[in-house]
Amino acid sequence: MPNITCKHRIFNNIDAIIFDKDGTLADSENFLRELAFKRARLIDAQIPGVYEPLLMAFGVENDYLNPTGLMAVGSNHENKIVAAGYIAETGKSWFESLAIAQECFNNALTKSTTVSPLFTGSLEVLQTLKQQGLKVAILSADTTQGVEEFVQHHQLSNYIDLIMGVDSGLSKPDPRLFLQACDKLAVKPENTLMIGDSQGDIAMAKNAKAGGIIGICWKSSQPSHLNTADVVISDLSEILSW
């Protein structure tokens, strides 16, 4: 089994590495921010007055996307439920509110087909890990279809052993997601690393007894929301296998 070195930490006997997608492999900040704007505008066109409150709920303020906010770390389902809640506050029935939110989310996606770019150097890291015999997975709060589109667009299929989104009703930080991924990879959690950019990634992996947790924040080497990870990096190239 390969060992993984990251800054001052050595993770021994690692069989697999599970990556988050958005904010970890995918430079998705611009895409998520623009998607939040489109969703809020479409809902506000039907329910005037909810635009600004929705953006705040999504974690978007001016041009800033909060890395700990709903849009950055929540699943599509969680975002939709929150949006429906704001619609319901206007007196709409719950089922009508859900229908409006779903319609607007669908329309926003059909107009937002751009796949987020890879962070610079990510491809080379994935290639190196596969060459070292490690199994590699992507476990994202996105849908499985969304992850598949990302992998296909960037031609990553040769380097990814498992593509997994949150389609089953579970969402991060539920440790069962991590355990399911390990089961599908045929590896033990204690021989598996988690690499992610959110508190949900860290809590999920900790509660699943992962072999190690690496937090990543490409814009900062000391992000406070990742301080419970075993080690925090600002570039995937800081991961070494031997």
C-alpha atoms as a PDB file:
ATOM      1  CA  MET A   1       0.000   0.000   0.000  1.00  0.00           C
ATOM      2  CA  PRO A   2       1.337   3.460  -0.843  1.00  0.00           C
ATOM      3  CA  ASN A   3       2.035   6.057   1.819  1.00  0.00           C
ATOM      4  CA  ILE A   4       0.859   9.634   1.371  1.00  0.00           C
ATOM      5  CA  THR A   5       2.903  12.570   2.620  1.00  0.00           C
ATOM      6  CA  CYS A   6       1.311  15.979   2.986  1.00  0.00           C
ATOM      7  CA  LYS A   7       3.254  18.744   4.702  1.00  0.00           C
ATOM      8  CA  HIS A   8       4.112  17.410   8.150  1.00  0.00           C
ATOM      9  CA  ARG A   9       1.813  14.370   8.032  1.00  0.00           C
ATOM     10  CA  ILE A  10       2.418  10.867   6.738  1.00  0.00           C
ATOM     11  CA  PHE A  11      -0.628   8.698   6.063  1.00  0.00           C
ATOM     12  CA  ASN A  12       0.403   5.051   5.961  1.00  0.00           C
ATOM     13  CA  ASN A  13      -1.113   2.148   4.047  1.00  0.00           C
ATOM     14  CA  ILE A  14      -3.511   4.112   1.860  1.00  0.00           C
ATOM     15  CA  ASP A  15      -5.485   2.234  -0.781  1.00  0.00           C
ATOM     16  CA  ALA A  16      -7.764   5.002  -2.030  1.00  0.00           C
ATOM     17  CA  ILE A  17      -8.320   8.745  -2.082  1.00  0.00           C
ATOM     18  CA  ILE A  18     -11.784  10.272  -2.248  1.00  0.00           C
ATOM     19  CA  PHE A  19     -12.002  13.804  -3.611  1.00  0.00           C
ATOM     20  CA  ASP A  20     -14.773  16.321  -3.298  1.00  0.00           C
ATOM     21  CA  LYS A  21     -15.499  18.048  -6.627  1.00  0.00           C
ATOM     22  CA  ASP A  22     -16.516  21.713  -6.323  1.00  0.00           C
ATOM     23  CA  GLY A  23     -13.818  23.799  -4.700  1.00  0.00           C
ATOM     24  CA  THR A  24     -11.427  20.838  -4.589  1.00  0.00           C
ATOM     25  CA  LEU A  25     -10.916  19.629  -8.158  1.00  0.00           C
ATOM     26  CA  ALA A  26     -13.264  22.045  -9.893  1.00  0.00           C
ATOM     27  CA  ASP A  27     -12.714  25.799  -9.813  1.00  0.00           C
ATOM     28  CA  SER A  28     -16.458  26.310  -9.539  1.00  0.00           C
ATOM     29  CA  GLU A  29     -16.777  29.572  -7.610  1.00  0.00           C
ATOM     30  CA  ASN A  30     -17.803  31.658 -10.641  1.00  0.00           C
ATOM     31  CA  PHE A  31     -20.221  29.026 -11.894  1.00  0.00           C
ATOM     32  CA  LEU A  32     -21.937  28.588  -8.520  1.00  0.00           C
ATOM     33  CA  ARG A  33     -22.194  32.333  -7.952  1.00  0.00           C
ATOM     34  CA  GLU A  34     -23.751  32.916 -11.385  1.00  0.00           C
ATOM     35  CA  LEU A  35     -26.101  29.977 -10.886  1.00  0.00           C
ATOM     36  CA  ALA A  36     -27.261  31.480  -7.588  1.00  0.00           C
ATOM     37  CA  PHE A  37     -27.965  34.800  -9.338  1.00  0.00           C
ATOM     38  CA  LYS A  38     -29.985  33.044 -12.066  1.00  0.00           C
ATOM     39  CA  ARG A  39     -32.016  30.991  -9.621  1.00  0.00           C
ATOM     40  CA  ALA A  40     -32.807  34.050  -7.514  1.00  0.00           C
ATOM     41  CA  ARG A  41     -33.783  36.135 -10.558  1.00  0.00           C
ATOM     42  CA  LEU A  42     -36.084  33.451 -11.933  1.00  0.00           C
ATOM     43  CA  ILE A  43     -37.825  32.960  -8.590  1.00  0.00           C
ATOM     44  CA  ASP A  44     -38.089  36.730  -8.032  1.00  0.00           C
ATOM     45  CA  ALA A  45     -39.810  37.058 -11.418  1.00  0.00           C
ATOM     46  CA  GLN A  46     -42.633  34.913 -10.051  1.00  0.00           C
ATOM     47  CA  ILE A  47     -42.397  35.921  -6.379  1.00  0.00           C
ATOM     48  CA  PRO A  48     -41.275  39.569  -6.315  1.00  0.00           C
ATOM     49  CA  GLY A  49     -39.225  40.650  -3.335  1.00  0.00           C
ATOM     50  CA  VAL A  50     -37.319  37.435  -2.604  1.00  0.00           C
ATOM     51  CA  TYR A  51     -34.223  38.144  -4.714  1.00  0.00           C
ATOM     52  CA  GLU A  52     -31.965  39.627  -2.023  1.00  0.00           C
ATOM     53  CA  PRO A  53     -33.096  37.285   0.790  1.00  0.00           C
ATOM     54  CA  LEU A  54     -32.506  34.285  -1.484  1.00  0.00           C
ATOM     55  CA  LEU A  55     -29.000  35.412  -2.357  1.00  0.00           C
ATOM     56  CA  MET A  56     -28.193  35.801   1.330  1.00  0.00           C
ATOM     57  CA  ALA A  57     -29.595  32.331   2.001  1.00  0.00           C
ATOM     58  CA  PHE A  58     -27.491  30.916  -0.830  1.00  0.00           C
ATOM     59  CA  GLY A  59     -24.388  32.502   0.680  1.00  0.00           C
ATOM     60  CA  VAL A  60     -23.866  35.111  -2.039  1.00  0.00           C
ATOM     61  CA  GLU A  61     -23.231  38.765  -1.219  1.00  0.00           C
ATOM     62  CA  ASN A  62     -22.348  41.118  -4.076  1.00  0.00           C
ATOM     63  CA  ASP A  63     -19.714  39.099  -5.963  1.00  0.00           C
ATOM     64  CA  TYR A  64     -18.612  37.043  -2.973  1.00  0.00           C
ATOM     65  CA  LEU A  65     -19.467  33.354  -2.629  1.00  0.00           C
ATOM     66  CA  ASN A  66     -19.168  32.251   0.989  1.00  0.00           C
ATOM     67  CA  PRO A  67     -17.149  28.987   0.979  1.00  0.00           C
ATOM     68  CA  THR A  68     -19.169  27.802   3.978  1.00  0.00           C
ATOM     69  CA  GLY A  69     -22.527  28.921   2.566  1.00  0.00           C
ATOM     70  CA  LEU A  70     -25.406  26.903   1.179  1.00  0.00           C
ATOM     71  CA  MET A  71     -24.545  27.289  -2.491  1.00  0.00           C
ATOM     72  CA  ALA A  72     -20.929  26.269  -1.949  1.00  0.00           C
ATOM     73  CA  VAL A  73     -21.480  23.196   0.219  1.00  0.00           C
ATOM     74  CA  GLY A  74     -25.160  22.224   0.034  1.00  0.00           C
ATOM     75  CA  SER A  75     -26.702  19.692  -2.314  1.00  0.00           C
ATOM     76  CA  ASN A  76     -29.098  20.715  -5.060  1.00  0.00           C
ATOM     77  CA  HIS A  77     -31.943  19.297  -2.960  1.00  0.00           C
ATOM     78  CA  GLU A  78     -30.945  21.318   0.094  1.00  0.00           C
ATOM     79  CA  ASN A  79     -30.762  24.506  -1.973  1.00  0.00           C
ATOM     80  CA  LYS A  80     -34.178  23.794  -3.461  1.00  0.00           C
ATOM     81  CA  ILE A  81     -35.770  23.200  -0.048  1.00  0.00           C
ATOM     82  CA  VAL A  82     -34.389  26.505   1.277  1.00  0.00           C
ATOM     83  CA  ALA A  83     -35.642  28.363  -1.811  1.00  0.00           C
ATOM     84  CA  ALA A  84     -39.065  26.780  -1.445  1.00  0.00           C
ATOM     85  CA  GLY A  85     -39.134  27.931   2.182  1.00  0.00           C
ATOM     86  CA  TYR A  86     -38.708  31.557   1.126  1.00  0.00           C
ATOM     87  CA  ILE A  87     -41.457  31.148  -1.452  1.00  0.00           C
ATOM     88  CA  ALA A  88     -43.764  29.582   1.143  1.00  0.00           C
ATOM     89  CA  GLU A  89     -43.297  32.622   3.394  1.00  0.00           C
ATOM     90  CA  THR A  90     -45.280  34.631   0.828  1.00  0.00           C
ATOM     91  CA  GLY A  91     -48.376  32.515   1.473  1.00  0.00           C
ATOM     92  CA  LYS A  92     -47.958  29.872  -1.238  1.00  0.00           C
ATOM     93  CA  SER A  93     -48.752  26.288  -0.304  1.00  0.00           C
ATOM     94  CA  TRP A  94     -45.766  24.050   0.345  1.00  0.00           C
ATOM     95  CA  PHE A  95     -46.311  21.904  -2.730  1.00  0.00           C
ATOM     96  CA  GLU A  96     -46.745  24.955  -4.950  1.00  0.00           C
ATOM     97  CA  SER A  97     -43.607  26.459  -3.427  1.00  0.00           C
ATOM     98  CA  LEU A  98     -41.644  23.297  -4.190  1.00  0.00           C
ATOM     99  CA  ALA A  99     -42.967  23.247  -7.756  1.00  0.00           C
ATOM    100  CA  ILE A 100     -41.953  26.877  -8.348  1.00  0.00           C
ATOM    101  CA  ALA A 101     -38.495  26.273  -6.909  1.00  0.00           C
ATOM    102  CA  GLN A 102     -38.026  23.141  -9.020  1.00  0.00           C
ATOM    103  CA  GLU A 103     -39.144  24.908 -12.203  1.00  0.00           C
ATOM    104  CA  CYS A 104     -36.802  27.842 -11.621  1.00  0.00           C
ATOM    105  CA  PHE A 105     -33.875  25.595 -10.721  1.00  0.00           C
ATOM    106  CA  ASN A 106     -34.425  23.573 -13.907  1.00  0.00           C
ATOM    107  CA  ASN A 107     -34.608  26.702 -16.055  1.00  0.00           C
ATOM    108  CA  ALA A 108     -31.472  28.106 -14.466  1.00  0.00           C
ATOM    109  CA  LEU A 109     -29.564  24.922 -15.254  1.00  0.00           C
ATOM    110  CA  THR A 110     -30.622  24.818 -18.900  1.00  0.00           C
ATOM    111  CA  LYS A 111     -29.118  28.270 -19.247  1.00  0.00           C
ATOM    112  CA  SER A 112     -25.964  27.353 -17.277  1.00  0.00           C
ATOM    113  CA  THR A 113     -24.299  24.529 -19.189  1.00  0.00           C
ATOM    114  CA  THR A 114     -20.703  25.560 -18.644  1.00  0.00           C
ATOM    115  CA  VAL A 115     -18.641  22.941 -16.808  1.00  0.00           C
ATOM    116  CA  SER A 116     -16.290  24.430 -14.228  1.00  0.00           C
ATOM    117  CA  PRO A 117     -12.580  24.283 -15.109  1.00  0.00           C
ATOM    118  CA  LEU A 118     -10.101  22.093 -13.274  1.00  0.00           C
ATOM    119  CA  PHE A 119      -7.819  23.821 -10.825  1.00  0.00           C
ATOM    120  CA  THR A 120      -4.363  24.097 -12.330  1.00  0.00           C
ATOM    121  CA  GLY A 121      -2.312  20.981 -11.646  1.00  0.00           C
ATOM    122  CA  SER A 122      -5.253  18.778 -10.644  1.00  0.00           C
ATOM    123  CA  LEU A 123      -4.981  16.530 -13.696  1.00  0.00           C
ATOM    124  CA  GLU A 124      -1.315  15.847 -13.065  1.00  0.00           C
ATOM    125  CA  VAL A 125      -2.038  14.922  -9.435  1.00  0.00           C
ATOM    126  CA  LEU A 126      -4.780  12.480 -10.473  1.00  0.00           C
ATOM    127  CA  GLN A 127      -2.455  10.924 -13.041  1.00  0.00           C
ATOM    128  CA  THR A 128       0.325  10.489 -10.477  1.00  0.00           C
ATOM    129  CA  LEU A 129      -1.967   8.919  -7.884  1.00  0.00           C
ATOM    130  CA  LYS A 130      -3.256   6.384 -10.406  1.00  0.00           C
ATOM    131  CA  GLN A 131       0.291   5.560 -11.474  1.00  0.00           C
ATOM    132  CA  GLN A 132       1.066   4.783  -7.831  1.00  0.00           C
ATOM    133  CA  GLY A 133      -1.723   2.201  -7.802  1.00  0.00           C
ATOM    134  CA  LEU A 134      -4.217   4.157  -5.715  1.00  0.00           C
ATOM    135  CA  LYS A 135      -7.943   3.993  -6.308  1.00  0.00           C
ATOM    136  CA  VAL A 136      -9.426   7.435  -6.889  1.00  0.00           C
ATOM    137  CA  ALA A 137     -13.032   8.539  -6.393  1.00  0.00           C
ATOM    138  CA  ILE A 138     -15.071  11.727  -6.579  1.00  0.00           C
ATOM    139  CA  LEU A 139     -17.779  12.083  -3.925  1.00  0.00           C
ATOM    140  CA  SER A 140     -19.668  15.323  -4.455  1.00  0.00           C
ATOM    141  CA  ALA A 141     -22.718  17.176  -3.155  1.00  0.00           C
ATOM    142  CA  ASP A 142     -23.572  17.557  -6.844  1.00  0.00           C
ATOM    143  CA  THR A 143     -25.744  14.943  -8.558  1.00  0.00           C
ATOM    144  CA  THR A 144     -24.041  11.874  -9.989  1.00  0.00           C
ATOM    145  CA  GLN A 145     -24.971  13.136 -13.448  1.00  0.00           C
ATOM    146  CA  GLY A 146     -23.262  16.445 -12.701  1.00  0.00           C
ATOM    147  CA  VAL A 147     -20.101  14.654 -11.600  1.00  0.00           C
ATOM    148  CA  GLU A 148     -20.188  12.436 -14.693  1.00  0.00           C
ATOM    149  CA  GLU A 149     -20.456  15.483 -16.953  1.00  0.00           C
ATOM    150  CA  PHE A 150     -17.478  17.050 -15.194  1.00  0.00           C
ATOM    151  CA  VAL A 151     -15.380  13.879 -15.570  1.00  0.00           C
ATOM    152  CA  GLN A 152     -16.304  13.431 -19.230  1.00  0.00           C
ATOM    153  CA  HIS A 153     -15.723  17.080 -20.105  1.00  0.00           C
ATOM    154  CA  HIS A 154     -12.212  17.024 -18.647  1.00  0.00           C
ATOM    155  CA  GLN A 155     -11.464  13.495 -19.923  1.00  0.00           C
ATOM    156  CA  LEU A 156     -10.746  12.135 -16.447  1.00  0.00           C
ATOM    157  CA  SER A 157     -12.343   8.696 -16.887  1.00  0.00           C
ATOM    158  CA  ASN A 158      -8.991   6.889 -16.995  1.00  0.00           C
ATOM    159  CA  TYR A 159      -8.083   8.258 -13.570  1.00  0.00           C
ATOM    160  CA  ILE A 160     -11.373   7.962 -11.665  1.00  0.00           C
ATOM    161  CA  ASP A 161     -12.550   4.604 -10.304  1.00  0.00           C
ATOM    162  CA  LEU A 162     -15.813   5.851  -8.786  1.00  0.00           C
ATOM    163  CA  ILE A 163     -18.154   8.736  -9.569  1.00  0.00           C
ATOM    164  CA  MET A 164     -20.688   9.411  -6.814  1.00  0.00           C
ATOM    165  CA  GLY A 165     -23.149  12.212  -6.172  1.00  0.00           C
ATOM    166  CA  VAL A 166     -25.935  12.648  -3.638  1.00  0.00           C
ATOM    167  CA  ASP A 167     -28.936  11.110  -5.378  1.00  0.00           C
ATOM    168  CA  SER A 168     -30.113   8.735  -2.635  1.00  0.00           C
ATOM    169  CA  GLY A 169     -31.408  11.292  -0.135  1.00  0.00           C
ATOM    170  CA  LEU A 170     -28.247  11.250   1.950  1.00  0.00           C
ATOM    171  CA  SER A 171     -26.095  14.383   1.976  1.00  0.00           C
ATOM    172  CA  LYS A 172     -22.830  15.491   3.506  1.00  0.00           C
ATOM    173  CA  PRO A 173     -21.809  15.235   6.332  1.00  0.00           C
ATOM    174  CA  ASP A 174     -23.605  11.873   6.654  1.00  0.00           C
ATOM    175  CA  PRO A 175     -20.758   9.331   7.099  1.00  0.00           C
ATOM    176  CA  ARG A 176     -22.794   6.700   5.267  1.00  0.00           C
ATOM    177  CA  LEU A 177     -21.885   8.431   2.005  1.00  0.00           C
ATOM    178  CA  PHE A 178     -18.179   7.903   2.680  1.00  0.00           C
ATOM    179  CA  LEU A 179     -18.773   4.323   3.789  1.00  0.00           C
ATOM    180  CA  GLN A 180     -20.803   3.606   0.656  1.00  0.00           C
ATOM    181  CA  ALA A 181     -17.996   4.982  -1.501  1.00  0.00           C
ATOM    182  CA  CYS A 182     -15.443   2.805   0.292  1.00  0.00           C
ATOM    183  CA  ASP A 183     -17.665  -0.234  -0.153  1.00  0.00           C
ATOM    184  CA  LYS A 184     -17.982   0.414  -3.889  1.00  0.00           C
ATOM    185  CA  LEU A 185     -14.217   0.839  -4.143  1.00  0.00           C
ATOM    186  CA  ALA A 186     -13.697  -2.359  -2.128  1.00  0.00           C
ATOM    187  CA  VAL A 187     -11.433  -0.587   0.362  1.00  0.00           C
ATOM    188  CA  LYS A 188     -11.562  -0.026   4.111  1.00  0.00           C
ATOM    189  CA  PRO A 189     -12.325   3.469   5.474  1.00  0.00           C
ATOM    190  CA  GLU A 190      -9.165   3.372   7.581  1.00  0.00           C
ATOM    191  CA  ASN A 191      -7.148   2.909   4.381  1.00  0.00           C
ATOM    192  CA  THR A 192      -8.861   5.790   2.602  1.00  0.00           C
ATOM    193  CA  LEU A 193      -8.110   9.519   2.542  1.00  0.00           C
ATOM    194  CA  MET A 194     -10.680  12.280   2.103  1.00  0.00           C
ATOM    195  CA  ILE A 195      -9.721  15.524   0.361  1.00  0.00           C
ATOM    196  CA  GLY A 196     -12.264  18.339   0.464  1.00  0.00           C
ATOM    197  CA  ASP A 197     -12.836  22.035   0.951  1.00  0.00           C
ATOM    198  CA  SER A 198     -15.753  22.061   3.382  1.00  0.00           C
ATOM    199  CA  GLN A 199     -16.672  21.295   6.971  1.00  0.00           C
ATOM    200  CA  GLY A 200     -19.099  18.711   5.594  1.00  0.00           C
ATOM    201  CA  ASP A 201     -16.275  16.775   3.941  1.00  0.00           C
ATOM    202  CA  ILE A 202     -14.266  16.776   7.156  1.00  0.00           C
ATOM    203  CA  ALA A 203     -17.128  15.770   9.459  1.00  0.00           C
ATOM    204  CA  MET A 204     -18.279  13.037   7.068  1.00  0.00           C
ATOM    205  CA  ALA A 205     -14.841  11.462   6.870  1.00  0.00           C
ATOM    206  CA  LYS A 206     -14.115  11.803  10.603  1.00  0.00           C
ATOM    207  CA  ASN A 207     -17.343  10.070  11.560  1.00  0.00           C
ATOM    208  CA  ALA A 208     -16.630   7.333   9.021  1.00  0.00           C
ATOM    209  CA  LYS A 209     -13.201   6.730  10.648  1.00  0.00           C
ATOM    210  CA  ALA A 210     -11.273   7.656   7.512  1.00  0.00           C
ATOM    211  CA  GLY A 211      -7.536   7.032   7.387  1.00  0.00           C
ATOM    212  CA  GLY A 212      -6.938  10.757   7.073  1.00  0.00           C
ATOM    213  CA  ILE A 213      -8.502  14.050   6.077  1.00  0.00           C
ATOM    214  CA  ILE A 214      -6.847  16.728   3.975  1.00  0.00           C
ATOM    215  CA  GLY A 215      -8.589  20.086   3.786  1.00  0.00           C
ATOM    216  CA  ILE A 216      -7.923  22.292   0.788  1.00  0.00           C
ATOM    217  CA  CYS A 217      -8.526  25.978   0.219  1.00  0.00           C
ATOM    218  CA  TRP A 218      -6.951  27.239  -2.979  1.00  0.00           C
ATOM    219  CA  LYS A 219      -7.125  30.879  -1.900  1.00  0.00           C
ATOM    220  CA  SER A 220      -5.833  30.572   1.643  1.00  0.00           C
ATOM    221  CA  SER A 221      -3.398  28.369   3.528  1.00  0.00           C
ATOM    222  CA  GLN A 222      -5.087  29.004   6.893  1.00  0.00           C
ATOM    223  CA  PRO A 223      -8.888  28.831   6.418  1.00  0.00           C
ATOM    224  CA  SER A 224     -10.576  28.654   9.814  1.00  0.00           C
ATOM    225  CA  HIS A 225     -13.446  26.460   8.589  1.00  0.00           C
ATOM    226  CA  LEU A 226     -10.987  23.623   7.827  1.00  0.00           C
ATOM    227  CA  ASN A 227      -9.082  23.666  11.114  1.00  0.00           C
ATOM    228  CA  THR A 228     -10.363  20.227  12.167  1.00  0.00           C
ATOM    229  CA  ALA A 229      -8.764  18.492   9.177  1.00  0.00           C
ATOM    230  CA  ASP A 230      -5.560  16.537   9.780  1.00  0.00           C
ATOM    231  CA  VAL A 231      -3.706  18.892   7.468  1.00  0.00           C
ATOM    232  CA  VAL A 232      -4.696  21.854   5.281  1.00  0.00           C
ATOM    233  CA  ILE A 233      -3.193  22.657   1.891  1.00  0.00           C
ATOM    234  CA  SER A 234      -3.652  25.393  -0.699  1.00  0.00           C
ATOM    235  CA  ASP A 235      -2.626  23.339  -3.751  1.00  0.00           C
ATOM    236  CA  LEU A 236      -3.118  19.658  -4.614  1.00  0.00           C
ATOM    237  CA  SER A 237       0.514  19.463  -5.673  1.00  0.00           C
ATOM    238  CA  GLU A 238       1.365  19.400  -1.948  1.00  0.00           C
ATOM    239  CA  ILE A 239       0.209  15.767  -1.875  1.00  0.00           C
ATOM    240  CA  LEU A 240       3.011  13.240  -2.398  1.00  0.00           C
ATOM    241  CA  SER A 241       2.719   9.440  -2.689  1.00  0.00           C
ATOM    242  CA  TRP A 242       5.518   6.882  -2.272  1.00  0.00           C
END
